[in-house]
Amino acid sequence: MEKKLNKKLITTAFILLITSMLIACNSNQSTTQETVNNHVMDTTSNNYSTIKIVLAKQLKRGSSMETSAPGYKMEDFVAVSIVASELLKKSDYKAPADFANRVKLIFGDKNFDNEGLNALNYRTGCIDKEHQFSLEETGSNKYYYVDFKNGLLTEFYPLPLLINYQKEFPDLAKLEDKPGEVYDAVEHTHKKNELWKDWPNLSVERQHNIHRITSRNKYLFNNSKADLSWLKNNDSVFLNRLVTVFGYVKDTDLTKWAIDKNLISSGNEADFGAVLWNQGCNSKINVHKEIFDLIKSETTDSNTRYLNSVANYIIYLRDKEKFLSFSDRAEVIAKVAYYAQKIVNKNEKQFEQDYYTKFLFPIIQTVQSKELFEPEFRKHNYYNLPGFKELWDEQVEYNGGVAQPM
């Protein structure tokens, strides 16, 4: 009886020990998250006073989006970079020794200034030398900033969208007790500043911004798959731009996700095309062979959805695309059709339907299209693509010289 009692006591004690350890672990994780969200700056840091000065100015300025409100300056971005760096340190991020090389691999060789600020326009994919710091998009301009000094990537945020200033800087929070005024250029009158403490869902947006900074950097520069998973679910626009705007196609997991996200449905042909190719800042057409390698590995007799989308995109280029010059359109059509036709020919024996052996090049070998594009192909020596001319002639001969329109 005594042995059974001792055994029961030992078991109970063991369960209590494990439970207390789990509670302590969870408590530690919670405390760490609280530290990241609520205590960004170390009061002994040399940058503490810099943050206080900038934060005070921003609280006095308020959260107004009026164009007449004081604009943000370089000192505001320097503060953002300091805060982002602190957030990343607390999330165990390590800037890689080859940070500059990683940046070029992801965003392309864009003559980055390794000593200065690089504003990557995420509409054009290029570096803008002239830009302004803004919370809202200004026309077509909005940026991802590459900071080589601190080894990180960030957008611009006013500090209240990154720091819980009411807890971390309670003395400065009192500035909002007496809000200043801003001039309304439309109504020609002064009105009270909009306050950051009244910003809708401020704490939720702040937490999301923090998570975006940490997850983007840990995925891009620390190869964190866990953070890639978070980005897919919570920051898909950013991931999509990596592929469609900046042409980053070196991560198979990311490119597979981007292809699936942009598969052609009604009216989104241009979105799918942006996965297949992009135009560099030097105007060079870059068709991504890596995407076609992935399509090749995924294509079977029972799975031709990727090739079907490619075929539909070629039809879109042939008949509907209005923004490219004729020369650029011909080059894109030639390269996309070339890589796709090679996939079809390689897998011909797997396809039960003869249709799949002749639906790519033949799309642009109708009488009208052939007469339109073939001289352009010859003019550019078939874009120096190995075997292009032979493949082109083979398909023409296969279809009796003229393919049937789709």
Protein backbone atom coordinates (compact mmCIF):
# COMPACT_ATOMS: atom_id res chain seq x y z
CA MET A 1 0.00 0.00 0.00
CA GLU A 2 2.82 2.36 0.92
CA LYS A 3 4.67 1.60 -2.32
CA LYS A 4 1.53 2.36 -4.36
CA LEU A 5 1.08 5.61 -2.45
CA ASN A 6 4.71 6.63 -3.04
CA LYS A 7 4.40 5.77 -6.72
CA LYS A 8 1.25 7.89 -6.97
CA LEU A 9 2.96 10.80 -5.21
CA ILE A 10 5.96 10.56 -7.53
CA THR A 11 3.69 10.52 -10.59
CA THR A 12 1.74 13.51 -9.29
CA ALA A 13 4.93 15.41 -8.55
CA PHE A 14 6.27 14.65 -12.04
CA ILE A 15 3.07 15.93 -13.68
CA LEU A 16 3.20 19.09 -11.57
CA LEU A 17 6.85 19.63 -12.55
CA ILE A 18 6.14 19.26 -16.28
CA THR A 19 3.10 21.53 -15.99
CA SER A 20 5.08 24.23 -14.19
CA MET A 21 7.82 24.01 -16.83
CA LEU A 22 5.29 24.44 -19.64
CA ILE A 23 3.70 27.39 -17.86
CA ALA A 24 7.11 28.96 -17.35
CA CYS A 25 7.96 28.41 -21.01
CA ASN A 26 4.70 29.94 -22.20
CA SER A 27 5.12 32.78 -19.74
CA ASN A 28 8.61 33.42 -21.08
CA GLN A 29 7.33 33.45 -24.69
CA SER A 30 4.54 35.82 -23.72
CA THR A 31 7.00 38.06 -21.89
CA THR A 32 9.31 38.09 -24.91
CA GLN A 33 6.44 39.08 -27.23
CA GLU A 34 5.38 41.76 -24.76
CA THR A 35 8.96 43.04 -24.72
CA VAL A 36 9.08 43.25 -28.51
CA ASN A 37 5.73 45.01 -28.71
CA ASN A 38 5.93 47.32 -25.72
CA HIS A 39 9.60 47.90 -24.94
CA VAL A 40 11.47 48.47 -28.15
CA MET A 41 14.12 50.90 -26.95
CA ASP A 42 16.66 50.34 -24.20
CA THR A 43 16.79 53.50 -22.09
CA THR A 44 20.58 53.19 -21.93
CA SER A 45 20.89 53.04 -25.72
CA ASN A 46 22.75 55.82 -27.48
CA ASN A 47 19.76 56.10 -29.83
CA TYR A 48 17.19 56.56 -27.06
CA SER A 49 17.34 60.35 -27.14
CA THR A 50 17.10 60.36 -30.96
CA ILE A 51 13.89 58.36 -30.81
CA LYS A 52 12.45 60.62 -28.11
CA ILE A 53 13.10 63.76 -30.15
CA VAL A 54 11.55 62.35 -33.33
CA LEU A 55 8.62 60.79 -31.50
CA ALA A 56 7.83 64.08 -29.76
CA LYS A 57 7.72 65.88 -33.12
CA GLN A 58 5.47 63.23 -34.62
CA LEU A 59 3.06 63.31 -31.69
CA LYS A 60 2.83 67.09 -31.98
CA ARG A 61 2.30 66.76 -35.72
CA GLY A 62 -0.50 64.25 -35.23
CA SER A 63 -1.70 61.55 -37.60
CA SER A 64 -3.26 63.88 -40.18
CA MET A 65 -3.02 62.84 -43.82
CA GLU A 66 -3.63 66.38 -45.04
CA THR A 67 -1.16 67.38 -47.75
CA SER A 68 -0.65 70.62 -45.88
CA ALA A 69 0.52 68.80 -42.76
CA PRO A 70 4.28 68.87 -42.14
CA GLY A 71 6.03 66.22 -44.22
CA TYR A 72 8.29 63.50 -42.92
CA LYS A 73 12.04 63.93 -43.35
CA MET A 74 15.20 61.86 -43.31
CA GLU A 75 15.43 62.11 -39.52
CA ASP A 76 12.04 60.35 -39.35
CA PHE A 77 13.32 57.48 -41.48
CA VAL A 78 16.54 57.21 -39.46
CA ALA A 79 14.34 56.70 -36.40
CA VAL A 80 12.35 54.00 -38.21
CA SER A 81 15.56 52.21 -39.12
CA ILE A 82 16.79 52.35 -35.52
CA VAL A 83 13.52 50.92 -34.22
CA ALA A 84 13.40 48.24 -36.92
CA SER A 85 16.95 47.21 -36.03
CA GLU A 86 16.01 46.88 -32.35
CA LEU A 87 12.90 44.86 -33.20
CA LEU A 88 14.93 42.48 -35.34
CA LYS A 89 17.55 41.96 -32.64
CA LYS A 90 14.81 40.98 -30.19
CA SER A 91 13.42 38.48 -32.73
CA ASP A 92 16.82 36.74 -33.12
CA TYR A 93 17.38 38.09 -36.63
CA LYS A 94 20.98 38.06 -37.83
CA ALA A 95 22.00 40.27 -40.75
CA PRO A 96 24.02 37.95 -43.03
CA ALA A 97 27.64 38.74 -43.80
CA ASP A 98 26.76 38.68 -47.49
CA PHE A 99 23.77 41.03 -47.06
CA ALA A 100 24.65 43.05 -50.18
CA ASN A 101 24.81 39.91 -52.31
CA ARG A 102 21.49 38.68 -50.92
CA VAL A 103 19.85 42.00 -51.77
CA LYS A 104 21.08 41.75 -55.36
CA LEU A 105 19.94 38.14 -55.63
CA ILE A 106 16.42 39.07 -54.51
CA PHE A 107 15.91 42.49 -56.06
CA GLY A 108 18.34 42.36 -58.96
CA ASP A 109 21.52 44.30 -59.66
CA LYS A 110 20.21 47.85 -59.50
CA ASN A 111 23.38 49.80 -58.70
CA PHE A 112 22.60 49.89 -55.00
CA ASP A 113 24.34 52.48 -52.88
CA ASN A 114 25.84 50.41 -50.08
CA GLU A 115 26.51 53.54 -48.05
CA GLY A 116 23.25 55.39 -48.56
CA LEU A 117 19.51 54.86 -48.60
CA ASN A 118 17.95 52.80 -51.38
CA ALA A 119 14.27 53.42 -52.11
CA LEU A 120 12.86 50.50 -54.11
CA ASN A 121 9.68 51.58 -55.86
CA TYR A 122 7.40 48.58 -55.59
CA ARG A 123 5.35 49.68 -58.59
CA THR A 124 8.26 49.85 -61.03
CA GLY A 125 10.79 47.62 -59.25
CA CYS A 126 13.46 50.32 -59.66
CA ILE A 127 15.40 52.59 -57.31
CA ASP A 128 14.05 56.13 -57.14
CA LYS A 129 16.69 58.73 -56.39
CA GLU A 130 14.00 61.34 -55.74
CA HIS A 131 11.35 60.22 -53.29
CA GLN A 132 9.40 61.33 -50.28
CA PHE A 133 8.58 59.59 -47.02
CA SER A 134 4.85 59.13 -46.80
CA LEU A 135 2.41 57.02 -44.84
CA GLU A 136 -0.02 56.90 -47.74
CA GLU A 137 0.78 56.09 -51.35
CA THR A 138 1.61 59.18 -53.36
CA GLY A 139 0.52 58.55 -56.92
CA SER A 140 2.37 55.44 -58.04
CA ASN A 141 5.16 55.83 -55.49
CA LYS A 142 5.59 53.65 -52.45
CA TYR A 143 8.79 52.10 -51.30
CA TYR A 144 10.66 49.31 -49.65
CA TYR A 145 13.83 50.80 -48.16
CA VAL A 146 17.07 48.81 -48.10
CA ASP A 147 19.31 49.87 -45.23
CA PHE A 148 22.79 48.44 -45.79
CA LYS A 149 24.17 49.98 -42.60
CA ASN A 150 21.80 48.00 -40.37
CA GLY A 151 21.34 45.10 -42.78
CA LEU A 152 17.57 45.24 -43.10
CA LEU A 153 14.56 46.00 -45.27
CA THR A 154 11.65 48.15 -44.10
CA GLU A 155 8.88 50.43 -45.22
CA PHE A 156 8.38 53.88 -43.73
CA TYR A 157 6.22 54.07 -40.61
CA PRO A 158 5.56 56.95 -38.22
CA LEU A 159 6.89 55.82 -34.85
CA PRO A 160 3.46 55.45 -33.15
CA LEU A 161 2.79 52.63 -35.64
CA LEU A 162 5.84 50.75 -34.32
CA ILE A 163 6.23 51.79 -30.66
CA ASN A 164 3.69 51.56 -27.85
CA TYR A 165 4.60 55.09 -26.92
CA GLN A 166 1.93 55.35 -24.21
CA LYS A 167 3.72 52.66 -22.20
CA GLU A 168 7.28 53.18 -23.34
CA PHE A 169 7.27 56.98 -23.35
CA PRO A 170 4.42 58.00 -20.99
CA ASP A 171 5.86 61.49 -20.57
CA LEU A 172 5.63 62.12 -24.33
CA ALA A 173 2.13 60.63 -24.50
CA LYS A 174 0.96 63.61 -22.47
CA LEU A 175 1.66 65.81 -25.52
CA GLU A 176 -1.59 64.54 -26.95
CA ASP A 177 -3.51 66.08 -24.04
CA LYS A 178 -3.13 69.42 -25.79
CA PRO A 179 -3.34 68.76 -29.52
CA GLY A 180 -1.93 71.30 -31.93
CA GLU A 181 -3.53 72.59 -35.11
CA VAL A 182 -3.10 71.96 -38.82
CA TYR A 183 -4.16 74.23 -41.66
CA ASP A 184 -6.85 72.81 -43.95
CA ALA A 185 -6.00 74.14 -47.41
CA VAL A 186 -9.41 73.12 -48.77
CA GLU A 187 -11.56 74.80 -46.13
CA HIS A 188 -8.98 77.56 -45.50
CA THR A 189 -9.16 77.15 -41.78
CA HIS A 190 -7.17 75.73 -38.89
CA LYS A 191 -8.39 72.62 -37.14
CA LYS A 192 -7.15 70.41 -34.35
CA ASN A 193 -4.66 67.70 -35.18
CA GLU A 194 -5.84 64.15 -35.46
CA LEU A 195 -4.23 62.23 -32.59
CA TRP A 196 -2.34 58.97 -32.84
CA LYS A 197 -4.13 57.64 -29.76
CA ASP A 198 -7.38 57.87 -31.76
CA TRP A 199 -6.00 55.95 -34.74
CA PRO A 200 -8.39 53.04 -35.44
CA ASN A 201 -7.08 49.71 -34.09
CA LEU A 202 -3.70 51.27 -33.36
CA SER A 203 -2.36 48.40 -31.25
CA VAL A 204 -3.46 45.77 -33.80
CA GLU A 205 -1.89 47.64 -36.70
CA ARG A 206 1.27 48.22 -34.70
CA GLN A 207 1.63 44.53 -33.94
CA HIS A 208 1.08 43.65 -37.59
CA ASN A 209 3.72 46.17 -38.71
CA ILE A 210 6.21 44.70 -36.26
CA HIS A 211 5.48 41.19 -37.48
CA ARG A 212 5.86 42.28 -41.11
CA ILE A 213 9.30 43.79 -40.45
CA THR A 214 10.58 40.74 -38.58
CA SER A 215 9.07 38.10 -40.89
CA ARG A 216 10.14 39.79 -44.12
CA ASN A 217 13.74 40.10 -43.00
CA LYS A 218 13.97 36.66 -41.40
CA TYR A 219 12.57 35.03 -44.52
CA LEU A 220 14.66 36.99 -47.04
CA PHE A 221 17.95 37.07 -45.18
CA ASN A 222 17.78 34.20 -42.66
CA ASN A 223 15.89 31.71 -44.88
CA SER A 224 13.18 31.23 -42.26
CA LYS A 225 10.47 28.94 -43.66
CA ALA A 226 8.27 29.59 -40.63
CA ASP A 227 8.24 33.27 -41.51
CA LEU A 228 7.54 32.48 -45.17
CA SER A 229 4.47 30.59 -43.98
CA TRP A 230 3.34 33.61 -41.94
CA LEU A 231 3.87 35.92 -44.91
CA LYS A 232 1.77 33.70 -47.20
CA ASN A 233 -1.14 34.04 -44.81
CA ASN A 234 -0.68 37.61 -43.64
CA ASP A 235 1.46 39.55 -46.15
CA SER A 236 0.71 37.99 -49.53
CA VAL A 237 0.96 41.30 -51.41
CA PHE A 238 4.61 41.63 -50.43
CA LEU A 239 5.43 38.06 -51.48
CA ASN A 240 3.63 38.48 -54.78
CA ARG A 241 5.61 41.63 -55.53
CA LEU A 242 8.88 39.79 -54.91
CA VAL A 243 8.07 37.60 -57.90
CA THR A 244 5.93 39.78 -60.18
CA VAL A 245 7.65 43.16 -59.69
CA PHE A 246 11.23 42.32 -58.69
CA GLY A 247 11.53 39.00 -60.50
CA TYR A 248 12.76 36.95 -57.53
CA VAL A 249 12.37 33.35 -58.69
CA LYS A 250 15.18 31.53 -56.86
CA ASP A 251 12.97 30.07 -54.13
CA THR A 252 10.90 27.19 -55.53
CA ASP A 253 8.48 27.30 -52.59
CA LEU A 254 7.76 30.97 -53.26
CA THR A 255 7.50 30.64 -57.05
CA LYS A 256 5.12 27.66 -56.78
CA TRP A 257 2.94 29.74 -54.46
CA ALA A 258 3.05 32.71 -56.87
CA ILE A 259 2.10 30.60 -59.90
CA ASP A 260 -0.86 29.08 -58.08
CA LYS A 261 -1.97 32.48 -56.83
CA ASN A 262 -1.91 34.00 -60.32
CA LEU A 263 -3.22 31.13 -62.47
CA ILE A 264 -5.35 32.59 -65.22
CA SER A 265 -8.99 33.18 -64.50
CA SER A 266 -11.25 35.68 -66.20
CA GLY A 267 -9.43 38.94 -66.81
CA ASN A 268 -6.16 38.39 -64.93
CA GLU A 269 -3.92 37.33 -67.83
CA ALA A 270 -1.52 40.21 -67.15
CA ASP A 271 -1.09 39.07 -63.54
CA PHE A 272 -0.09 35.59 -64.66
CA GLY A 273 2.27 37.06 -67.25
CA ALA A 274 4.01 39.03 -64.49
CA VAL A 275 5.01 35.70 -62.93
CA LEU A 276 6.52 34.48 -66.22
CA TRP A 277 8.60 37.56 -67.01
CA ASN A 278 9.45 41.11 -66.04
CA GLN A 279 11.10 44.12 -67.62
CA GLY A 280 14.23 45.32 -65.88
CA CYS A 281 15.03 48.93 -65.05
CA ASN A 282 17.28 48.85 -68.12
CA SER A 283 14.18 47.91 -70.19
CA LYS A 284 15.55 44.41 -70.81
CA ILE A 285 12.96 41.62 -71.09
CA ASN A 286 13.63 38.88 -68.53
CA VAL A 287 11.65 35.68 -69.08
CA HIS A 288 12.13 33.45 -66.05
CA LYS A 289 13.46 30.06 -67.08
CA GLU A 290 13.13 28.97 -63.44
CA ILE A 291 9.35 29.33 -63.68
CA PHE A 292 9.25 27.11 -66.75
CA ASP A 293 11.50 24.57 -65.03
CA LEU A 294 8.92 24.43 -62.24
CA ILE A 295 6.06 24.13 -64.73
CA LYS A 296 7.91 21.28 -66.43
CA SER A 297 8.31 19.39 -63.16
CA GLU A 298 4.61 19.82 -62.35
CA THR A 299 3.21 18.95 -65.81
CA THR A 300 1.71 15.52 -66.44
CA ASP A 301 -1.03 14.16 -68.67
CA SER A 302 -3.50 14.74 -65.84
CA ASN A 303 -2.08 18.12 -64.78
CA THR A 304 -1.80 20.60 -67.65
CA ARG A 305 -3.28 23.58 -65.82
CA TYR A 306 -0.02 25.52 -65.86
CA LEU A 307 0.50 24.97 -69.59
CA ASN A 308 -3.14 25.87 -70.22
CA SER A 309 -2.57 29.20 -68.47
CA VAL A 310 0.59 29.76 -70.54
CA ALA A 311 -1.36 29.07 -73.74
CA ASN A 312 -4.11 31.49 -72.70
CA TYR A 313 -1.49 34.10 -71.89
CA ILE A 314 0.09 33.75 -75.35
CA ILE A 315 -3.37 34.31 -76.87
CA TYR A 316 -3.73 37.40 -74.68
CA LEU A 317 -0.34 38.70 -75.88
CA ARG A 318 -1.27 37.99 -79.49
CA ASP A 319 -4.72 39.57 -79.45
CA LYS A 320 -5.28 41.89 -76.48
CA GLU A 321 -2.07 43.25 -74.96
CA LYS A 322 -1.96 47.02 -75.60
CA PHE A 323 0.78 48.42 -73.37
CA LEU A 324 3.96 46.83 -74.74
CA SER A 325 5.71 48.06 -77.85
CA PHE A 326 5.46 45.65 -80.79
CA SER A 327 9.13 44.74 -80.46
CA ASP A 328 8.78 43.92 -76.74
CA ARG A 329 5.53 42.02 -77.32
CA ALA A 330 7.16 39.89 -80.02
CA GLU A 331 10.12 39.11 -77.78
CA VAL A 332 7.91 38.06 -74.86
CA ILE A 333 5.71 35.92 -77.11
CA ALA A 334 8.74 34.24 -78.67
CA LYS A 335 10.45 33.42 -75.37
CA VAL A 336 7.33 32.32 -73.50
CA ALA A 337 6.19 30.11 -76.41
CA TYR A 338 9.71 28.71 -76.83
CA TYR A 339 10.12 27.53 -73.23
CA ALA A 340 6.56 26.20 -73.08
CA GLN A 341 6.79 24.37 -76.42
CA LYS A 342 9.94 22.60 -75.21
CA ILE A 343 7.97 21.33 -72.20
CA VAL A 344 5.19 20.08 -74.47
CA ASN A 345 7.56 18.33 -76.85
CA LYS A 346 9.49 16.71 -74.02
CA ASN A 347 6.27 15.36 -72.49
CA GLU A 348 4.55 14.50 -75.77
CA LYS A 349 4.52 10.77 -75.07
CA GLN A 350 2.75 11.36 -71.77
CA PHE A 351 -0.11 13.27 -73.37
CA GLU A 352 -3.04 11.24 -74.56
CA GLN A 353 -4.46 14.12 -76.60
CA ASP A 354 -2.61 15.18 -79.74
CA TYR A 355 -3.94 18.68 -79.03
CA TYR A 356 -1.29 19.23 -76.37
CA THR A 357 1.58 18.61 -78.80
CA LYS A 358 0.75 21.65 -80.92
CA PHE A 359 -0.96 24.39 -78.96
CA LEU A 360 1.88 26.79 -78.13
CA PHE A 361 3.86 27.81 -81.19
CA PRO A 362 0.79 27.22 -83.42
CA ILE A 363 -1.04 29.98 -81.54
CA ILE A 364 1.30 32.46 -83.22
CA GLN A 365 1.57 30.55 -86.50
CA THR A 366 -1.78 31.47 -87.93
CA VAL A 367 -1.33 33.17 -91.31
CA GLN A 368 -1.79 36.66 -89.92
CA SER A 369 0.29 36.17 -86.78
CA LYS A 370 3.07 34.33 -88.59
CA GLU A 371 3.42 37.14 -91.12
CA LEU A 372 3.40 39.64 -88.26
CA PHE A 373 5.90 38.05 -85.89
CA GLU A 374 8.27 35.91 -87.95
CA PRO A 375 10.13 38.85 -89.57
CA GLU A 376 10.66 40.31 -86.08
CA PHE A 377 12.02 36.99 -84.83
CA ARG A 378 14.46 36.79 -87.75
CA LYS A 379 15.48 40.43 -87.23
CA HIS A 380 16.63 39.56 -83.70
CA ASN A 381 18.21 36.25 -84.74
CA TYR A 382 15.49 34.36 -82.85
CA TYR A 383 16.73 36.02 -79.65
CA ASN A 384 19.74 33.68 -79.62
CA LEU A 385 17.61 30.94 -78.09
CA PRO A 386 19.21 27.53 -78.78
CA GLY A 387 17.17 25.57 -81.30
CA PHE A 388 14.44 28.20 -81.59
CA LYS A 389 14.47 28.35 -85.40
CA GLU A 390 14.47 24.56 -85.73
CA LEU A 391 11.64 24.22 -83.24
CA TRP A 392 9.69 26.96 -85.00
CA ASP A 393 10.17 25.38 -88.45
CA GLU A 394 9.31 21.94 -87.08
CA GLN A 395 5.98 23.17 -85.76
CA VAL A 396 5.16 24.94 -89.01
CA GLU A 397 5.87 21.77 -90.96
CA TYR A 398 3.90 19.70 -88.43
CA ASN A 399 0.83 21.85 -89.02
CA GLY A 400 1.14 21.92 -92.79
CA GLY A 401 2.53 25.41 -92.69
CA VAL A 402 -0.44 26.98 -90.95
CA ALA A 403 -1.83 26.21 -87.53
CA GLN A 404 -5.50 26.45 -86.71
CA PRO A 405 -6.57 29.39 -84.54
CA MET A 406 -7.67 28.46 -81.02
